[in-house]
Structure formats: structure tokens, C-alpha cells
């Protein structure tokens, strides 16, 4: 897998195009559900679509205000998955510069 990271508002490779199609399908399903049962109160649906193959990965966040909110949600879910499997997941900050080591 490549270590290169690319980001942008539009899909830029096969996997990010597939991610976009998945979130587009989600929007269609949400609209159809609302049309079938307009009396049901709904909250905003948020999702993180992550696809991977032997050549790389693609990711798209949908319904979140920003990528930081999506990451927080992802970490909460990861922690719950670990706990459900009898494990503990802890996050430790790692400084990105030698000067930051002294601050720990």
C-alpha cells in the first residue's frame, strides 16, 4: 500500500469514487425512507466509508461537520469494539517533534 495521502472535495481514484457512490446510495435510501414514512422523526445520518484493496485505500466522511468530528466518532466506535472483545484500547499522544517530548 502506498504511503502517499491525497485529500480533496472530489473523488480522485477508483476507491474514492466507489466511496462516493456508496454515500450517494445512502442519501437515496434516506430520501426513500422519508417519503415512505414522513411522520417518523429522523436524525442526521453520519457515516465513514473506508475501502481498501492491494493498491491503496479510499475514505469518505458523510454527514459530519468536519473530519475531526468523524475521527472522534471512529475512535469511540473502535474503543467499543475492543471492549466487546474483552480488550482495552487506549490512545496516547505522540509528539511530532523532539521538542514535544519534553512537554510530556
PDB file of N, CA and C in Angstrom:
ATOM      1  N   UNK A   1       0.836  -1.180   0.000  1.00  0.00           N
ATOM      2  CA  UNK A   1       0.000   0.000   0.000  1.00  0.00           C
ATOM      3  C   UNK A   1       0.883   1.247   0.000  1.00  0.00           C
ATOM      4  N   UNK A   2       0.481   2.246  -0.763  1.00  0.00           N
ATOM      5  CA  UNK A   2       1.232   3.493  -0.840  1.00  0.00           C
ATOM      6  C   UNK A   2       1.102   4.282   0.459  1.00  0.00           C
ATOM      7  N   UNK A   3       2.166   5.033   0.779  1.00  0.00           N
ATOM      8  CA  UNK A   3       2.133   5.907   1.943  1.00  0.00           C
ATOM      9  C   UNK A   3       1.669   7.313   1.583  1.00  0.00           C
ATOM     10  N   UNK A   4       1.419   7.561   0.297  1.00  0.00           N
ATOM     11  CA  UNK A   4       1.001   8.879  -0.145  1.00  0.00           C
ATOM     12  C   UNK A   4      -0.428   9.156   0.305  1.00  0.00           C
ATOM     13  N   UNK A   5      -0.677  10.369   0.729  1.00  0.00           N
ATOM     14  CA  UNK A   5      -2.014  10.759   1.166  1.00  0.00           C
ATOM     15  C   UNK A   5      -2.485  11.908   0.291  1.00  0.00           C
ATOM     16  N   UNK A   6      -3.689  11.786  -0.204  1.00  0.00           N
ATOM     17  CA  UNK A   6      -4.287  12.835  -1.017  1.00  0.00           C
ATOM     18  C   UNK A   6      -5.674  13.106  -0.455  1.00  0.00           C
ATOM     19  N   UNK A   7      -6.078  14.346  -0.472  1.00  0.00           N
ATOM     20  CA  UNK A   7      -7.386  14.706   0.051  1.00  0.00           C
ATOM     21  C   UNK A   7      -7.983  15.804  -0.817  1.00  0.00           C
ATOM     22  N   UNK A   8      -9.288  15.802  -0.888  1.00  0.00           N
ATOM     23  CA  UNK A   8      -9.946  16.851  -1.646  1.00  0.00           C
ATOM     24  C   UNK A   8     -11.442  16.658  -1.633  1.00  0.00           C
ATOM     25  N   UNK A   9     -12.170  17.632  -2.137  1.00  0.00           N
ATOM     26  CA  UNK A   9     -13.632  17.566  -2.110  1.00  0.00           C
ATOM     27  C   UNK A   9     -14.220  16.602  -3.139  1.00  0.00           C
ATOM     28  N   UNK A  10     -13.440  16.222  -4.141  1.00  0.00           N
ATOM     29  CA  UNK A  10     -13.921  15.329  -5.201  1.00  0.00           C
ATOM     30  C   UNK A  10     -13.120  14.032  -5.189  1.00  0.00           C
ATOM     31  N   UNK A  11     -13.753  12.932  -5.583  1.00  0.00           N
ATOM     32  CA  UNK A  11     -13.023  11.659  -5.685  1.00  0.00           C
ATOM     33  C   UNK A  11     -11.851  11.789  -6.662  1.00  0.00           C
ATOM     34  N   UNK A  12     -10.754  11.104  -6.361  1.00  0.00           N
ATOM     35  CA  UNK A  12      -9.568  11.232  -7.199  1.00  0.00           C
ATOM     36  C   UNK A  12      -8.993   9.897  -7.651  1.00  0.00           C
ATOM     37  N   UNK A  13      -9.619   8.794  -7.238  1.00  0.00           N
ATOM     38  CA  UNK A  13      -9.186   7.483  -7.708  1.00  0.00           C
ATOM     39  C   UNK A  13     -10.374   6.516  -7.641  1.00  0.00           C
ATOM     40  N   UNK A  14     -10.140   5.294  -8.057  1.00  0.00           N
ATOM     41  CA  UNK A  14     -11.220   4.304  -8.120  1.00  0.00           C
ATOM     42  C   UNK A  14     -11.905   4.121  -6.764  1.00  0.00           C
ATOM     43  N   UNK A  15     -11.131   3.967  -5.695  1.00  0.00           N
ATOM     44  CA  UNK A  15     -11.728   3.684  -4.392  1.00  0.00           C
ATOM     45  C   UNK A  15     -12.507   4.877  -3.847  1.00  0.00           C
ATOM     46  N   UNK A  16     -12.003   6.089  -4.045  1.00  0.00           N
ATOM     47  CA  UNK A  16     -12.769   7.241  -3.556  1.00  0.00           C
ATOM     48  C   UNK A  16     -14.031   7.456  -4.391  1.00  0.00           C
ATOM     49  N   UNK A  17     -13.995   7.082  -5.670  1.00  0.00           N
ATOM     50  CA  UNK A  17     -15.225   7.142  -6.481  1.00  0.00           C
ATOM     51  C   UNK A  17     -16.250   6.134  -5.970  1.00  0.00           C
ATOM     52  N   UNK A  18     -15.795   4.937  -5.591  1.00  0.00           N
ATOM     53  CA  UNK A  18     -16.710   3.945  -5.020  1.00  0.00           C
ATOM     54  C   UNK A  18     -17.272   4.421  -3.682  1.00  0.00           C
ATOM     55  N   UNK A  19     -16.444   5.057  -2.865  1.00  0.00           N
ATOM     56  CA  UNK A  19     -16.919   5.616  -1.587  1.00  0.00           C
ATOM     57  C   UNK A  19     -18.024   6.631  -1.837  1.00  0.00           C
ATOM     58  N   UNK A  20     -17.818   7.490  -2.834  1.00  0.00           N
ATOM     59  CA  UNK A  20     -18.832   8.499  -3.159  1.00  0.00           C
ATOM     60  C   UNK A  20     -20.137   7.835  -3.601  1.00  0.00           C
ATOM     61  N   UNK A  21     -20.032   6.782  -4.410  1.00  0.00           N
ATOM     62  CA  UNK A  21     -21.236   6.083  -4.851  1.00  0.00           C
ATOM     63  C   UNK A  21     -21.970   5.456  -3.669  1.00  0.00           C
ATOM     64  N   UNK A  22     -21.230   4.986  -2.683  1.00  0.00           N
ATOM     65  CA  UNK A  22     -21.864   4.394  -1.506  1.00  0.00           C
ATOM     66  C   UNK A  22     -22.610   5.448  -0.691  1.00  0.00           C
ATOM     67  N   UNK A  23     -22.016   6.626  -0.525  1.00  0.00           N
ATOM     68  CA  UNK A  23     -22.713   7.673   0.228  1.00  0.00           C
ATOM     69  C   UNK A  23     -23.867   8.259  -0.587  1.00  0.00           C
ATOM     70  N   UNK A  24     -23.733   8.292  -1.909  1.00  0.00           N
ATOM     71  CA  UNK A  24     -24.856   8.714  -2.755  1.00  0.00           C
ATOM     72  C   UNK A  24     -26.032   7.747  -2.586  1.00  0.00           C
ATOM     73  N   UNK A  25     -25.735   6.445  -2.562  1.00  0.00           N
ATOM     74  CA  UNK A  25     -26.783   5.428  -2.371  1.00  0.00           C
ATOM     75  C   UNK A  25     -27.437   5.581  -0.999  1.00  0.00           C
ATOM     76  N   UNK A  26     -26.649   5.933  -0.001  1.00  0.00           N
ATOM     77  CA  UNK A  26     -27.198   6.166   1.336  1.00  0.00           C
ATOM     78  C   UNK A  26     -28.192   7.320   1.310  1.00  0.00           C
ATOM     79  N   UNK A  27     -27.852   8.408   0.635  1.00  0.00           N
ATOM     80  CA  UNK A  27     -28.751   9.556   0.532  1.00  0.00           C
ATOM     81  C   UNK A  27     -30.055   9.177  -0.166  1.00  0.00           C
ATOM     82  N   UNK A  28     -29.971   8.387  -1.228  1.00  0.00           N
ATOM     83  CA  UNK A  28     -31.171   7.927  -1.936  1.00  0.00           C
ATOM     84  C   UNK A  28     -32.037   7.092  -0.995  1.00  0.00           C
ATOM     85  N   UNK A  29     -31.412   6.209  -0.229  1.00  0.00           N
ATOM     86  CA  UNK A  29     -32.160   5.364   0.706  1.00  0.00           C
ATOM     87  C   UNK A  29     -32.819   6.199   1.802  1.00  0.00           C
ATOM     88  N   UNK A  30     -32.141   7.217   2.297  1.00  0.00           N
ATOM     89  CA  UNK A  30     -32.696   8.095   3.335  1.00  0.00           C
ATOM     90  C   UNK A  30     -33.896   8.860   2.784  1.00  0.00           C
ATOM     91  N   UNK A  31     -33.778   9.374   1.568  1.00  0.00           N
ATOM     92  CA  UNK A  31     -34.888  10.096   0.949  1.00  0.00           C
ATOM     93  C   UNK A  31     -36.087   9.179   0.717  1.00  0.00           C
ATOM     94  N   UNK A  32     -35.834   7.942   0.275  1.00  0.00           N
ATOM     95  CA  UNK A  32     -36.922   6.982   0.057  1.00  0.00           C
ATOM     96  C   UNK A  32     -37.608   6.640   1.371  1.00  0.00           C
ATOM     97  N   UNK A  33     -36.828   6.468   2.419  1.00  0.00           N
ATOM     98  CA  UNK A  33     -37.391   6.167   3.739  1.00  0.00           C
ATOM     99  C   UNK A  33     -38.270   7.325   4.217  1.00  0.00           C
ATOM    100  N   UNK A  34     -37.815   8.549   4.028  1.00  0.00           N
ATOM    101  CA  UNK A  34     -38.579   9.724   4.442  1.00  0.00           C
ATOM    102  C   UNK A  34     -39.883   9.838   3.649  1.00  0.00           C
ATOM    103  N   UNK A  35     -39.835   9.494   2.365  1.00  0.00           N
ATOM    104  CA  UNK A  35     -41.044   9.552   1.532  1.00  0.00           C
ATOM    105  C   UNK A  35     -42.054   8.492   1.963  1.00  0.00           C
ATOM    106  N   UNK A  36     -41.568   7.327   2.382  1.00  0.00           N
ATOM    107  CA  UNK A  36     -42.455   6.238   2.802  1.00  0.00           C
ATOM    108  C   UNK A  36     -43.115   6.513   4.150  1.00  0.00           C
ATOM    109  N   UNK A  37     -42.361   7.140   5.060  1.00  0.00           N
ATOM    110  CA  UNK A  37     -42.863   7.390   6.414  1.00  0.00           C
ATOM    111  C   UNK A  37     -42.520   8.813   6.831  1.00  0.00           C
ATOM    112  N   UNK A  38     -43.207   9.808   6.275  1.00  0.00           N
ATOM    113  CA  UNK A  38     -42.859  11.199   6.589  1.00  0.00           C
ATOM    114  C   UNK A  38     -43.124  11.589   8.049  1.00  0.00           C
ATOM    115  N   UNK A  39     -43.951  10.822   8.747  1.00  0.00           N
ATOM    116  CA  UNK A  39     -44.269  11.164  10.140  1.00  0.00           C
ATOM    117  C   UNK A  39     -43.173  10.765  11.125  1.00  0.00           C
ATOM    118  N   UNK A  40     -42.229   9.940  10.699  1.00  0.00           N
ATOM    119  CA  UNK A  40     -41.163   9.478  11.584  1.00  0.00           C
ATOM    120  C   UNK A  40     -40.088  10.546  11.693  1.00  0.00           C
ATOM    121  N   UNK A  41     -39.745  10.904  12.937  1.00  0.00           N
ATOM    122  CA  UNK A  41     -38.694  11.893  13.157  1.00  0.00           C
ATOM    123  C   UNK A  41     -37.335  11.233  12.960  1.00  0.00           C
ATOM    124  N   UNK A  42     -36.466  11.879  12.212  1.00  0.00           N
ATOM    125  CA  UNK A  42     -35.163  11.308  11.908  1.00  0.00           C
ATOM    126  C   UNK A  42     -34.052  12.262  12.313  1.00  0.00           C
ATOM    127  N   UNK A  43     -32.942  11.683  12.716  1.00  0.00           N
ATOM    128  CA  UNK A  43     -31.754  12.487  12.975  1.00  0.00           C
ATOM    129  C   UNK A  43     -30.826  12.381  11.770  1.00  0.00           C
ATOM    130  N   UNK A  44     -29.862  13.248  11.710  1.00  0.00           N
ATOM    131  CA  UNK A  44     -28.891  13.241  10.609  1.00  0.00           C
ATOM    132  C   UNK A  44     -28.050  11.969  10.674  1.00  0.00           C
ATOM    133  N   UNK A  45     -27.921  11.295   9.554  1.00  0.00           N
ATOM    134  CA  UNK A  45     -27.120  10.078   9.484  1.00  0.00           C
ATOM    135  C   UNK A  45     -25.691  10.457   9.132  1.00  0.00           C
ATOM    136  N   UNK A  46     -24.765   9.895   9.866  1.00  0.00           N
ATOM    137  CA  UNK A  46     -23.349  10.132   9.619  1.00  0.00           C
ATOM    138  C   UNK A  46     -22.684   8.791   9.339  1.00  0.00           C
ATOM    139  N   UNK A  47     -21.731   8.811   8.434  1.00  0.00           N
ATOM    140  CA  UNK A  47     -21.015   7.578   8.129  1.00  0.00           C
ATOM    141  C   UNK A  47     -19.592   7.880   7.689  1.00  0.00           C
ATOM    142  N   UNK A  48     -18.753   6.882   7.871  1.00  0.00           N
ATOM    143  CA  UNK A  48     -17.390   6.911   7.359  1.00  0.00           C
ATOM    144  C   UNK A  48     -17.270   5.683   6.462  1.00  0.00           C
ATOM    145  N   UNK A  49     -16.999   5.899   5.191  1.00  0.00           N
ATOM    146  CA  UNK A  49     -16.841   4.795   4.253  1.00  0.00           C
ATOM    147  C   UNK A  49     -15.349   4.619   4.001  1.00  0.00           C
ATOM    148  N   UNK A  50     -14.864   3.422   4.260  1.00  0.00           N
ATOM    149  CA  UNK A  50     -13.447   3.112   4.084  1.00  0.00           C
ATOM    150  C   UNK A  50     -13.325   1.872   3.224  1.00  0.00           C
ATOM    151  N   UNK A  51     -12.626   1.996   2.118  1.00  0.00           N
ATOM    152  CA  UNK A  51     -12.410   0.867   1.212  1.00  0.00           C
ATOM    153  C   UNK A  51     -10.910   0.683   1.011  1.00  0.00           C
ATOM    154  N   UNK A  52     -10.503  -0.567   0.842  1.00  0.00           N
ATOM    155  CA  UNK A  52      -9.087  -0.861   0.679  1.00  0.00           C
ATOM    156  C   UNK A  52      -8.920  -2.009  -0.310  1.00  0.00           C
ATOM    157  N   UNK A  53      -7.905  -1.922  -1.133  1.00  0.00           N
ATOM    158  CA  UNK A  53      -7.515  -3.044  -1.981  1.00  0.00           C
ATOM    159  C   UNK A  53      -5.994  -3.138  -1.962  1.00  0.00           C
ATOM    160  N   UNK A  54      -5.435  -3.986  -2.809  1.00  0.00           N
ATOM    161  CA  UNK A  54      -3.987  -4.190  -2.783  1.00  0.00           C
ATOM    162  C   UNK A  54      -3.191  -2.970  -3.243  1.00  0.00           C
ATOM    163  N   UNK A  55      -3.871  -2.001  -3.843  1.00  0.00           N
ATOM    164  CA  UNK A  55      -3.185  -0.812  -4.352  1.00  0.00           C
ATOM    165  C   UNK A  55      -3.311   0.418  -3.469  1.00  0.00           C
ATOM    166  N   UNK A  56      -4.153   0.375  -2.458  1.00  0.00           N
ATOM    167  CA  UNK A  56      -4.328   1.549  -1.621  1.00  0.00           C
ATOM    168  C   UNK A  56      -5.657   1.531  -0.895  1.00  0.00           C
ATOM    169  N   UNK A  57      -6.108   2.716  -0.523  1.00  0.00           N
ATOM    170  CA  UNK A  57      -7.343   2.831   0.243  1.00  0.00           C
ATOM    171  C   UNK A  57      -8.068   4.102  -0.168  1.00  0.00           C
ATOM    172  N   UNK A  58      -9.363   4.115   0.122  1.00  0.00           N
ATOM    173  CA  UNK A  58     -10.187   5.287  -0.113  1.00  0.00           C
ATOM    174  C   UNK A  58     -11.085   5.490   1.089  1.00  0.00           C
ATOM    175  N   UNK A  59     -11.336   6.735   1.427  1.00  0.00           N
ATOM    176  CA  UNK A  59     -12.154   7.048   2.589  1.00  0.00           C
ATOM    177  C   UNK A  59     -12.995   8.269   2.268  1.00  0.00           C
ATOM    178  N   UNK A  60     -14.239   8.248   2.730  1.00  0.00           N
ATOM    179  CA  UNK A  60     -15.098   9.426   2.601  1.00  0.00           C
ATOM    180  C   UNK A  60     -15.924   9.556   3.865  1.00  0.00           C
ATOM    181  N   UNK A  61     -15.959  10.762   4.415  1.00  0.00           N
ATOM    182  CA  UNK A  61     -16.848  11.029   5.547  1.00  0.00           C
ATOM    183  C   UNK A  61     -18.103  11.690   4.995  1.00  0.00           C
ATOM    184  N   UNK A  62     -19.220  11.417   5.654  1.00  0.00           N
ATOM    185  CA  UNK A  62     -20.501  11.915   5.156  1.00  0.00           C
ATOM    186  C   UNK A  62     -21.385  12.266   6.345  1.00  0.00           C
ATOM    187  N   UNK A  63     -21.899  13.471   6.360  1.00  0.00           N
ATOM    188  CA  UNK A  63     -22.822  13.889   7.399  1.00  0.00           C
ATOM    189  C   UNK A  63     -22.165  14.501   8.621  1.00  0.00           C
ATOM    190  N   UNK A  64     -20.859  14.494   8.690  1.00  0.00           N
ATOM    191  CA  UNK A  64     -20.132  15.105   9.805  1.00  0.00           C
ATOM    192  C   UNK A  64     -19.841  16.562   9.476  1.00  0.00           C
ATOM    193  N   UNK A  65     -19.718  17.387  10.507  1.00  0.00           N
ATOM    194  CA  UNK A  65     -19.383  18.793  10.292  1.00  0.00           C
ATOM    195  C   UNK A  65     -17.959  18.958   9.764  1.00  0.00           C
ATOM    196  N   UNK A  66     -17.059  18.090  10.239  1.00  0.00           N
ATOM    197  CA  UNK A  66     -15.657  18.160   9.817  1.00  0.00           C
ATOM    198  C   UNK A  66     -14.984  16.815  10.065  1.00  0.00           C
ATOM    199  N   UNK A  67     -13.762  16.673   9.578  1.00  0.00           N
ATOM    200  CA  UNK A  67     -13.060  15.397   9.703  1.00  0.00           C
ATOM    201  C   UNK A  67     -12.689  15.093  11.151  1.00  0.00           C
ATOM    202  N   UNK A  68     -12.490  16.107  11.967  1.00  0.00           N
ATOM    203  CA  UNK A  68     -12.156  15.870  13.377  1.00  0.00           C
ATOM    204  C   UNK A  68     -13.331  15.199  14.096  1.00  0.00           C
ATOM    205  N   UNK A  69     -14.541  15.643  13.833  1.00  0.00           N
ATOM    206  CA  UNK A  69     -15.724  15.011  14.430  1.00  0.00           C
ATOM    207  C   UNK A  69     -15.840  13.553  13.990  1.00  0.00           C
ATOM    208  N   UNK A  70     -15.525  13.290  12.742  1.00  0.00           N
ATOM    209  CA  UNK A  70     -15.561  11.913  12.233  1.00  0.00           C
ATOM    210  C   UNK A  70     -14.516  11.053  12.937  1.00  0.00           C
ATOM    211  N   UNK A  71     -13.322  11.597  13.149  1.00  0.00           N
ATOM    212  CA  UNK A  71     -12.271  10.831  13.834  1.00  0.00           C
ATOM    213  C   UNK A  71     -12.664  10.515  15.271  1.00  0.00           C
ATOM    214  N   UNK A  72     -13.248  11.463  15.965  1.00  0.00           N
ATOM    215  CA  UNK A  72     -13.689  11.218  17.339  1.00  0.00           C
ATOM    216  C   UNK A  72     -14.713  10.090  17.359  1.00  0.00           C
ATOM    217  N   UNK A  73     -15.662  10.134  16.446  1.00  0.00           N
ATOM    218  CA  UNK A  73     -16.670   9.083  16.359  1.00  0.00           C
ATOM    219  C   UNK A  73     -16.014   7.731  16.063  1.00  0.00           C
ATOM    220  N   UNK A  74     -15.067   7.716  15.132  1.00  0.00           N
ATOM    221  CA  UNK A  74     -14.360   6.480  14.800  1.00  0.00           C
ATOM    222  C   UNK A  74     -13.641   5.916  16.021  1.00  0.00           C
ATOM    223  N   UNK A  75     -12.956   6.755  16.775  1.00  0.00           N
ATOM    224  CA  UNK A  75     -12.236   6.287  17.961  1.00  0.00           C
ATOM    225  C   UNK A  75     -13.192   5.727  19.010  1.00  0.00           C
ATOM    226  N   UNK A  76     -14.339   6.376  19.197  1.00  0.00           N
ATOM    227  CA  UNK A  76     -15.332   5.881  20.157  1.00  0.00           C
ATOM    228  C   UNK A  76     -15.817   4.493  19.739  1.00  0.00           C
ATOM    229  N   UNK A  77     -16.086   4.316  18.454  1.00  0.00           N
ATOM    230  CA  UNK A  77     -16.543   3.018  17.965  1.00  0.00           C
ATOM    231  C   UNK A  77     -15.444   1.956  18.079  1.00  0.00           C
ATOM    232  N   UNK A  78     -14.216   2.332  17.765  1.00  0.00           N
ATOM    233  CA  UNK A  78     -13.105   1.381  17.890  1.00  0.00           C
ATOM    234  C   UNK A  78     -12.949   0.921  19.333  1.00  0.00           C
ATOM    235  N   UNK A  79     -13.038   1.847  20.266  1.00  0.00           N
ATOM    236  CA  UNK A  79     -12.922   1.508  21.690  1.00  0.00           C
ATOM    237  C   UNK A  79     -14.033   0.531  22.090  1.00  0.00           C
ATOM    238  N   UNK A  80     -15.246   0.766  21.620  1.00  0.00           N
ATOM    239  CA  UNK A  80     -16.370  -0.119  21.931  1.00  0.00           C
ATOM    240  C   UNK A  80     -16.158  -1.512  21.335  1.00  0.00           C
ATOM    241  N   UNK A  81     -15.622  -1.589  20.133  1.00  0.00           N
ATOM    242  CA  UNK A  81     -15.349  -2.893  19.512  1.00  0.00           C
ATOM    243  C   UNK A  81     -14.313  -3.653  20.330  1.00  0.00           C
ATOM    244  N   UNK A  82     -13.269  -2.972  20.758  1.00  0.00           N
ATOM    245  CA  UNK A  82     -12.260  -3.622  21.595  1.00  0.00           C
ATOM    246  C   UNK A  82     -12.879  -4.125  22.886  1.00  0.00           C
ATOM    247  N   UNK A  83     -13.678  -3.299  23.550  1.00  0.00           N
ATOM    248  CA  UNK A  83     -14.304  -3.697  24.812  1.00  0.00           C
ATOM    249  C   UNK A  83     -15.236  -4.889  24.616  1.00  0.00           C
ATOM    250  N   UNK A  84     -15.956  -4.929  23.517  1.00  0.00           N
ATOM    251  CA  UNK A  84     -16.851  -6.048  23.234  1.00  0.00           C
ATOM    252  C   UNK A  84     -16.080  -7.352  23.060  1.00  0.00           C
ATOM    253  N   UNK A  85     -14.797  -7.235  22.732  1.00  0.00           N
ATOM    254  CA  UNK A  85     -13.948  -8.410  22.556  1.00  0.00           C
ATOM    255  C   UNK A  85     -13.019  -8.634  23.747  1.00  0.00           C
ATOM    256  N   UNK A  86     -13.343  -7.998  24.885  1.00  0.00           N
ATOM    257  CA  UNK A  86     -12.573  -8.196  26.103  1.00  0.00           C
ATOM    258  C   UNK A  86     -11.209  -7.536  26.104  1.00  0.00           C
ATOM    259  N   UNK A  87     -11.016  -6.540  25.269  1.00  0.00           N
ATOM    260  CA  UNK A  87      -9.733  -5.832  25.167  1.00  0.00           C
ATOM    261  C   UNK A  87      -9.923  -4.384  25.582  1.00  0.00           C
ATOM    262  N   UNK A  88      -8.807  -3.710  25.801  1.00  0.00           N
ATOM    263  CA  UNK A  88      -8.844  -2.297  26.150  1.00  0.00           C
ATOM    264  C   UNK A  88      -8.050  -1.533  25.102  1.00  0.00           C
ATOM    265  N   UNK A  89      -8.610  -0.471  24.603  1.00  0.00           N
ATOM    266  CA  UNK A  89      -7.951   0.370  23.619  1.00  0.00           C
ATOM    267  C   UNK A  89      -7.698   1.729  24.258  1.00  0.00           C
ATOM    268  N   UNK A  90      -6.438   2.132  24.264  1.00  0.00           N
ATOM    269  CA  UNK A  90      -6.085   3.431  24.817  1.00  0.00           C
ATOM    270  C   UNK A  90      -5.349   4.221  23.755  1.00  0.00           C
ATOM    271  N   UNK A  91      -5.570   5.514  23.749  1.00  0.00           N
ATOM    272  CA  UNK A  91      -4.914   6.397  22.797  1.00  0.00           C
ATOM    273  C   UNK A  91      -3.893   7.234  23.543  1.00  0.00           C
ATOM    274  N   UNK A  92      -2.687   7.264  23.027  1.00  0.00           N
ATOM    275  CA  UNK A  92      -1.607   8.012  23.653  1.00  0.00           C
ATOM    276  C   UNK A  92      -1.087   9.022  22.641  1.00  0.00           C
ATOM    277  N   UNK A  93      -0.959  10.248  23.059  1.00  0.00           N
ATOM    278  CA  UNK A  93      -0.446  11.282  22.166  1.00  0.00           C
ATOM    279  C   UNK A  93       1.045  11.072  21.933  1.00  0.00           C
ATOM    280  N   UNK A  94       1.441  11.128  20.674  1.00  0.00           N
ATOM    281  CA  UNK A  94       2.853  11.017  20.310  1.00  0.00           C
ATOM    282  C   UNK A  94       3.248  12.339  19.682  1.00  0.00           C
ATOM    283  N   UNK A  95       4.239  13.012  20.259  1.00  0.00           N
ATOM    284  CA  UNK A  95       4.628  14.316  19.706  1.00  0.00           C
ATOM    285  C   UNK A  95       5.206  14.161  18.306  1.00  0.00           C
ATOM    286  N   UNK A  96       4.992  15.190  17.478  1.00  0.00           N
ATOM    287  CA  UNK A  96       5.505  15.130  16.112  1.00  0.00           C
ATOM    288  C   UNK A  96       6.852  15.821  15.952  1.00  0.00           C
ATOM    289  N   UNK A  97       7.468  16.209  17.074  1.00  0.00           N
ATOM    290  CA  UNK A  97       8.794  16.808  17.021  1.00  0.00           C
ATOM    291  C   UNK A  97       9.543  16.493  18.326  1.00  0.00           C
ATOM    292  N   UNK A  98      10.856  16.483  18.277  1.00  0.00           N
ATOM    293  CA  UNK A  98      11.640  16.197  19.515  1.00  0.00           C
ATOM    294  C   UNK A  98      11.342  17.192  20.624  1.00  0.00           C
ATOM    295  N   UNK A  99      11.014  18.437  20.275  1.00  0.00           N
ATOM    296  CA  UNK A  99      10.715  19.433  21.301  1.00  0.00           C
ATOM    297  C   UNK A  99       9.465  19.041  22.095  1.00  0.00           C
ATOM    298  N   UNK A 100       8.535  18.349  21.440  1.00  0.00           N
ATOM    299  CA  UNK A 100       7.302  17.951  22.087  1.00  0.00           C
ATOM    300  C   UNK A 100       7.489  16.849  23.127  1.00  0.00           C
ATOM    301  N   UNK A 101       8.603  16.093  23.056  1.00  0.00           N
ATOM    302  CA  UNK A 101       8.867  15.022  24.007  1.00  0.00           C
ATOM    303  C   UNK A 101       9.021  15.584  25.409  1.00  0.00           C
ATOM    304  N   UNK A 102       9.680  16.725  25.531  1.00  0.00           N
ATOM    305  CA  UNK A 102       9.892  17.345  26.835  1.00  0.00           C
ATOM    306  C   UNK A 102       8.600  17.785  27.485  1.00  0.00           C
ATOM    307  N   UNK A 103       7.602  18.080  26.683  1.00  0.00           N
ATOM    308  CA  UNK A 103       6.319  18.538  27.204  1.00  0.00           C
ATOM    309  C   UNK A 103       5.522  17.398  27.823  1.00  0.00           C
ATOM    310  N   UNK A 104       5.848  16.159  27.461  1.00  0.00           N
ATOM    311  CA  UNK A 104       5.106  15.015  28.011  1.00  0.00           C
ATOM    312  C   UNK A 104       5.545  14.770  29.373  1.00  0.00           C
TER     313      UNK A 104
END
